[in-house]
Amino acid sequence: MNLSGSRNRIARGSSVIGGSPKWALFFLSAVDSYPSIRKAETTYIDEQRAQELERSYPRLQFFDRVYLAQMQRLKLTKIYSNDRAFDRAKGIKRIFA
């Protein structure tokens, strides 16, 4: 696992992924290695919209609704996920490989 150079790009609270800072660094390094992956910041407005989406999508967890809000804001229509709850999201196609 080559993590050199990734430490400067990770935000505070490094134990968010897999409970391990090394795993988080590995994950972020892997994501950074794909230039075609579009990265977007979560905004406060995304989180507010996620609360509103609970009425329409009560089976989606809060963070999944945040992803849905981001997708709506960025006009994205496809999500790579194994969460079948996204199958009910209007205008979203779930892709699972």
N, C-alpha and C. Protein backbone atom coordinates (compact mmCIF):
# COMPACT_ATOMS: atom_id res chain seq x y z
N MET A 1 0.84 -1.16 0.00
CA MET A 1 0.00 0.00 0.00
C MET A 1 0.90 1.23 0.00
N ASN A 2 0.93 1.95 -1.11
CA ASN A 2 1.75 3.15 -1.21
C ASN A 2 0.90 4.37 -0.88
N LEU A 3 1.20 4.98 0.25
CA LEU A 3 0.40 6.11 0.70
C LEU A 3 1.16 7.42 0.65
N SER A 4 2.36 7.42 0.08
CA SER A 4 3.17 8.64 0.09
C SER A 4 2.47 9.76 -0.64
N GLY A 5 2.51 10.94 -0.07
CA GLY A 5 1.91 12.11 -0.68
C GLY A 5 0.43 12.29 -0.40
N SER A 6 -0.24 11.25 0.11
CA SER A 6 -1.68 11.35 0.35
C SER A 6 -2.01 12.04 1.66
N ARG A 7 -1.10 12.03 2.60
CA ARG A 7 -1.39 12.57 3.92
C ARG A 7 -1.79 14.05 3.87
N ASN A 8 -1.24 14.80 2.94
CA ASN A 8 -1.57 16.22 2.86
C ASN A 8 -2.96 16.48 2.28
N ARG A 9 -3.55 15.48 1.64
CA ARG A 9 -4.85 15.68 1.00
C ARG A 9 -6.02 15.21 1.85
N ILE A 10 -5.75 14.55 2.97
CA ILE A 10 -6.84 14.01 3.77
C ILE A 10 -7.31 15.04 4.79
N ALA A 11 -8.62 15.14 4.94
CA ALA A 11 -9.18 16.10 5.89
C ALA A 11 -9.10 15.55 7.31
N ARG A 12 -9.34 16.43 8.26
CA ARG A 12 -9.38 15.99 9.65
C ARG A 12 -10.44 14.93 9.83
N GLY A 13 -10.30 14.10 10.87
CA GLY A 13 -11.26 13.03 11.11
C GLY A 13 -10.98 11.85 10.20
N SER A 14 -9.75 11.39 10.18
CA SER A 14 -9.30 10.40 9.21
C SER A 14 -9.82 9.00 9.45
N SER A 15 -10.57 8.76 10.51
CA SER A 15 -11.04 7.41 10.76
C SER A 15 -12.43 7.16 10.20
N VAL A 16 -12.86 7.93 9.24
CA VAL A 16 -14.21 7.81 8.72
C VAL A 16 -14.42 6.59 7.83
N ILE A 17 -13.39 6.10 7.18
CA ILE A 17 -13.54 4.98 6.25
C ILE A 17 -12.90 3.75 6.85
N GLY A 18 -13.68 2.74 7.10
CA GLY A 18 -13.16 1.49 7.60
C GLY A 18 -12.58 1.57 9.01
N GLY A 19 -12.71 2.70 9.68
CA GLY A 19 -12.22 2.83 11.03
C GLY A 19 -10.71 2.95 11.13
N SER A 20 -10.02 3.01 10.03
CA SER A 20 -8.57 3.03 10.05
C SER A 20 -8.03 4.18 9.20
N PRO A 21 -7.17 5.03 9.78
CA PRO A 21 -6.59 6.11 8.98
C PRO A 21 -5.81 5.59 7.77
N LYS A 22 -5.13 4.44 7.92
CA LYS A 22 -4.38 3.88 6.77
C LYS A 22 -5.34 3.47 5.66
N TRP A 23 -6.47 2.89 6.03
CA TRP A 23 -7.45 2.50 5.02
C TRP A 23 -8.00 3.74 4.33
N ALA A 24 -8.27 4.80 5.08
CA ALA A 24 -8.77 6.04 4.49
C ALA A 24 -7.76 6.61 3.50
N LEU A 25 -6.50 6.60 3.88
CA LEU A 25 -5.46 7.11 2.98
C LEU A 25 -5.36 6.26 1.72
N PHE A 26 -5.44 4.96 1.89
CA PHE A 26 -5.40 4.06 0.74
C PHE A 26 -6.58 4.33 -0.19
N PHE A 27 -7.78 4.46 0.38
CA PHE A 27 -8.97 4.70 -0.41
C PHE A 27 -8.87 6.02 -1.18
N LEU A 28 -8.47 7.09 -0.48
CA LEU A 28 -8.36 8.39 -1.14
C LEU A 28 -7.29 8.39 -2.21
N SER A 29 -6.21 7.68 -1.97
CA SER A 29 -5.15 7.57 -2.97
C SER A 29 -5.68 6.84 -4.21
N ALA A 30 -6.46 5.78 -3.99
CA ALA A 30 -7.03 5.04 -5.12
C ALA A 30 -7.99 5.92 -5.92
N VAL A 31 -8.84 6.68 -5.24
CA VAL A 31 -9.77 7.57 -5.93
C VAL A 31 -9.00 8.63 -6.72
N ASP A 32 -7.96 9.19 -6.11
CA ASP A 32 -7.15 10.20 -6.79
C ASP A 32 -6.45 9.66 -8.04
N SER A 33 -6.23 8.34 -8.08
CA SER A 33 -5.50 7.76 -9.21
C SER A 33 -6.36 7.67 -10.48
N TYR A 34 -7.65 7.91 -10.37
CA TYR A 34 -8.55 7.89 -11.52
C TYR A 34 -8.90 9.31 -11.92
N PRO A 35 -8.23 9.87 -12.92
CA PRO A 35 -8.51 11.26 -13.31
C PRO A 35 -9.92 11.45 -13.87
N SER A 36 -10.56 10.39 -14.32
CA SER A 36 -11.89 10.53 -14.91
C SER A 36 -12.99 10.59 -13.84
N ILE A 37 -12.66 10.28 -12.59
CA ILE A 37 -13.67 10.37 -11.53
C ILE A 37 -13.84 11.82 -11.14
N ARG A 38 -15.08 12.27 -11.21
CA ARG A 38 -15.40 13.65 -10.85
C ARG A 38 -15.65 13.70 -9.34
N LYS A 39 -14.94 14.57 -8.67
CA LYS A 39 -15.08 14.70 -7.22
C LYS A 39 -15.83 15.99 -6.92
N ALA A 40 -16.76 15.93 -5.96
CA ALA A 40 -17.56 17.10 -5.63
C ALA A 40 -17.66 17.24 -4.11
N GLU A 41 -17.69 18.47 -3.68
CA GLU A 41 -17.84 18.77 -2.25
C GLU A 41 -19.31 18.65 -1.85
N THR A 42 -19.54 18.22 -0.63
CA THR A 42 -20.87 18.24 -0.05
C THR A 42 -21.11 19.62 0.51
N THR A 43 -22.25 20.19 0.20
CA THR A 43 -22.57 21.52 0.70
C THR A 43 -23.65 21.42 1.77
N TYR A 44 -23.78 22.48 2.53
CA TYR A 44 -24.84 22.56 3.52
C TYR A 44 -26.20 22.46 2.85
N ILE A 45 -26.33 23.03 1.67
CA ILE A 45 -27.58 22.97 0.92
C ILE A 45 -27.91 21.52 0.54
N ASP A 46 -26.87 20.72 0.21
CA ASP A 46 -27.08 19.29 -0.08
C ASP A 46 -27.69 18.60 1.14
N GLU A 47 -27.19 18.93 2.32
CA GLU A 47 -27.68 18.30 3.54
C GLU A 47 -29.12 18.76 3.85
N GLN A 48 -29.41 20.02 3.60
CA GLN A 48 -30.78 20.49 3.78
C GLN A 48 -31.72 19.78 2.81
N ARG A 49 -31.28 19.66 1.57
CA ARG A 49 -32.10 18.98 0.55
C ARG A 49 -32.30 17.52 0.94
N ALA A 50 -31.29 16.88 1.52
CA ALA A 50 -31.41 15.49 1.96
C ALA A 50 -32.53 15.33 2.98
N GLN A 51 -32.66 16.31 3.88
CA GLN A 51 -33.75 16.28 4.86
C GLN A 51 -35.10 16.34 4.14
N GLU A 52 -35.20 17.20 3.14
CA GLU A 52 -36.45 17.32 2.37
C GLU A 52 -36.78 16.03 1.63
N LEU A 53 -35.74 15.34 1.14
CA LEU A 53 -35.93 14.12 0.36
C LEU A 53 -36.44 12.95 1.21
N GLU A 54 -36.37 13.09 2.52
CA GLU A 54 -36.84 12.00 3.38
C GLU A 54 -38.32 11.70 3.14
N ARG A 55 -39.11 12.71 2.84
CA ARG A 55 -40.54 12.50 2.56
C ARG A 55 -40.73 11.59 1.34
N SER A 56 -39.93 11.80 0.32
CA SER A 56 -40.07 11.02 -0.91
C SER A 56 -39.35 9.68 -0.85
N TYR A 57 -38.26 9.63 -0.07
CA TYR A 57 -37.43 8.42 -0.03
C TYR A 57 -37.14 8.02 1.42
N PRO A 58 -38.16 7.56 2.14
CA PRO A 58 -37.96 7.22 3.56
C PRO A 58 -37.05 6.01 3.78
N ARG A 59 -36.86 5.19 2.77
CA ARG A 59 -36.00 4.01 2.91
C ARG A 59 -34.52 4.33 2.73
N LEU A 60 -34.22 5.48 2.16
CA LEU A 60 -32.82 5.87 1.99
C LEU A 60 -32.29 6.46 3.29
N GLN A 61 -31.12 6.02 3.69
CA GLN A 61 -30.46 6.58 4.86
C GLN A 61 -30.10 8.04 4.56
N PHE A 62 -29.84 8.82 5.60
CA PHE A 62 -29.54 10.24 5.43
C PHE A 62 -28.39 10.48 4.43
N PHE A 63 -27.27 9.75 4.60
CA PHE A 63 -26.13 10.00 3.72
C PHE A 63 -26.42 9.59 2.29
N ASP A 64 -27.28 8.58 2.09
CA ASP A 64 -27.69 8.24 0.74
C ASP A 64 -28.53 9.36 0.13
N ARG A 65 -29.36 9.98 0.96
CA ARG A 65 -30.13 11.13 0.47
C ARG A 65 -29.23 12.32 0.17
N VAL A 66 -28.14 12.46 0.91
CA VAL A 66 -27.16 13.51 0.60
C VAL A 66 -26.57 13.24 -0.79
N TYR A 67 -26.22 11.98 -1.06
CA TYR A 67 -25.69 11.64 -2.39
C TYR A 67 -26.73 11.96 -3.46
N LEU A 68 -27.98 11.65 -3.19
CA LEU A 68 -29.05 11.94 -4.14
C LEU A 68 -29.19 13.44 -4.36
N ALA A 69 -29.11 14.22 -3.29
CA ALA A 69 -29.17 15.68 -3.41
C ALA A 69 -28.00 16.20 -4.24
N GLN A 70 -26.82 15.67 -4.01
CA GLN A 70 -25.65 16.08 -4.81
C GLN A 70 -25.86 15.74 -6.27
N MET A 71 -26.38 14.55 -6.52
CA MET A 71 -26.62 14.14 -7.90
C MET A 71 -27.61 15.08 -8.58
N GLN A 72 -28.65 15.46 -7.86
CA GLN A 72 -29.62 16.39 -8.43
C GLN A 72 -28.97 17.73 -8.73
N ARG A 73 -28.17 18.22 -7.78
CA ARG A 73 -27.51 19.52 -7.97
C ARG A 73 -26.56 19.49 -9.16
N LEU A 74 -25.83 18.37 -9.31
CA LEU A 74 -24.83 18.26 -10.38
C LEU A 74 -25.40 17.67 -11.67
N LYS A 75 -26.71 17.39 -11.64
CA LYS A 75 -27.41 16.83 -12.81
C LYS A 75 -26.80 15.49 -13.26
N LEU A 76 -26.53 14.63 -12.27
CA LEU A 76 -26.01 13.29 -12.54
C LEU A 76 -27.18 12.31 -12.50
N THR A 77 -27.13 11.29 -13.37
CA THR A 77 -28.24 10.35 -13.45
C THR A 77 -27.86 8.91 -13.15
N LYS A 78 -26.58 8.62 -12.93
CA LYS A 78 -26.14 7.25 -12.66
C LYS A 78 -25.34 7.21 -11.37
N ILE A 79 -25.58 6.13 -10.60
CA ILE A 79 -24.83 5.94 -9.37
C ILE A 79 -24.34 4.49 -9.31
N TYR A 80 -23.09 4.31 -8.92
CA TYR A 80 -22.52 2.99 -8.70
C TYR A 80 -22.76 2.65 -7.24
N SER A 81 -23.67 1.71 -7.00
CA SER A 81 -24.05 1.37 -5.63
C SER A 81 -24.65 -0.02 -5.59
N ASN A 82 -24.52 -0.69 -4.44
CA ASN A 82 -25.21 -1.96 -4.26
C ASN A 82 -26.48 -1.76 -3.42
N ASP A 83 -26.83 -0.53 -3.13
CA ASP A 83 -28.00 -0.19 -2.33
C ASP A 83 -29.24 -0.14 -3.24
N ARG A 84 -30.10 -1.13 -3.12
CA ARG A 84 -31.28 -1.22 -3.99
C ARG A 84 -32.30 -0.11 -3.74
N ALA A 85 -32.17 0.58 -2.62
CA ALA A 85 -33.09 1.69 -2.35
C ALA A 85 -32.96 2.78 -3.42
N PHE A 86 -31.79 2.88 -4.06
CA PHE A 86 -31.62 3.87 -5.13
C PHE A 86 -32.46 3.52 -6.36
N ASP A 87 -32.89 2.27 -6.48
CA ASP A 87 -33.71 1.88 -7.63
C ASP A 87 -35.03 2.63 -7.66
N ARG A 88 -35.48 3.13 -6.52
CA ARG A 88 -36.75 3.87 -6.44
C ARG A 88 -36.57 5.37 -6.65
N ALA A 89 -35.33 5.81 -6.76
CA ALA A 89 -35.07 7.25 -6.92
C ALA A 89 -35.39 7.67 -8.36
N LYS A 90 -36.28 8.62 -8.47
CA LYS A 90 -36.74 9.09 -9.78
C LYS A 90 -35.59 9.73 -10.57
N GLY A 91 -35.41 9.27 -11.82
CA GLY A 91 -34.40 9.84 -12.69
C GLY A 91 -33.00 9.34 -12.46
N ILE A 92 -32.85 8.34 -11.56
CA ILE A 92 -31.53 7.80 -11.22
C ILE A 92 -31.44 6.35 -11.67
N LYS A 93 -30.37 6.01 -12.32
CA LYS A 93 -30.11 4.62 -12.71
C LYS A 93 -28.98 4.09 -11.84
N ARG A 94 -29.28 3.02 -11.10
CA ARG A 94 -28.26 2.40 -10.25
C ARG A 94 -27.47 1.39 -11.07
N ILE A 95 -26.17 1.49 -11.01
CA ILE A 95 -25.27 0.56 -11.71
C ILE A 95 -24.50 -0.19 -10.65
N PHE A 96 -24.54 -1.50 -10.75
CA PHE A 96 -23.80 -2.32 -9.80
C PHE A 96 -23.06 -3.39 -10.59
N ALA A 97 -21.75 -3.39 -10.43
CA ALA A 97 -20.93 -4.37 -11.18
C ALA A 97 -20.39 -5.41 -10.25
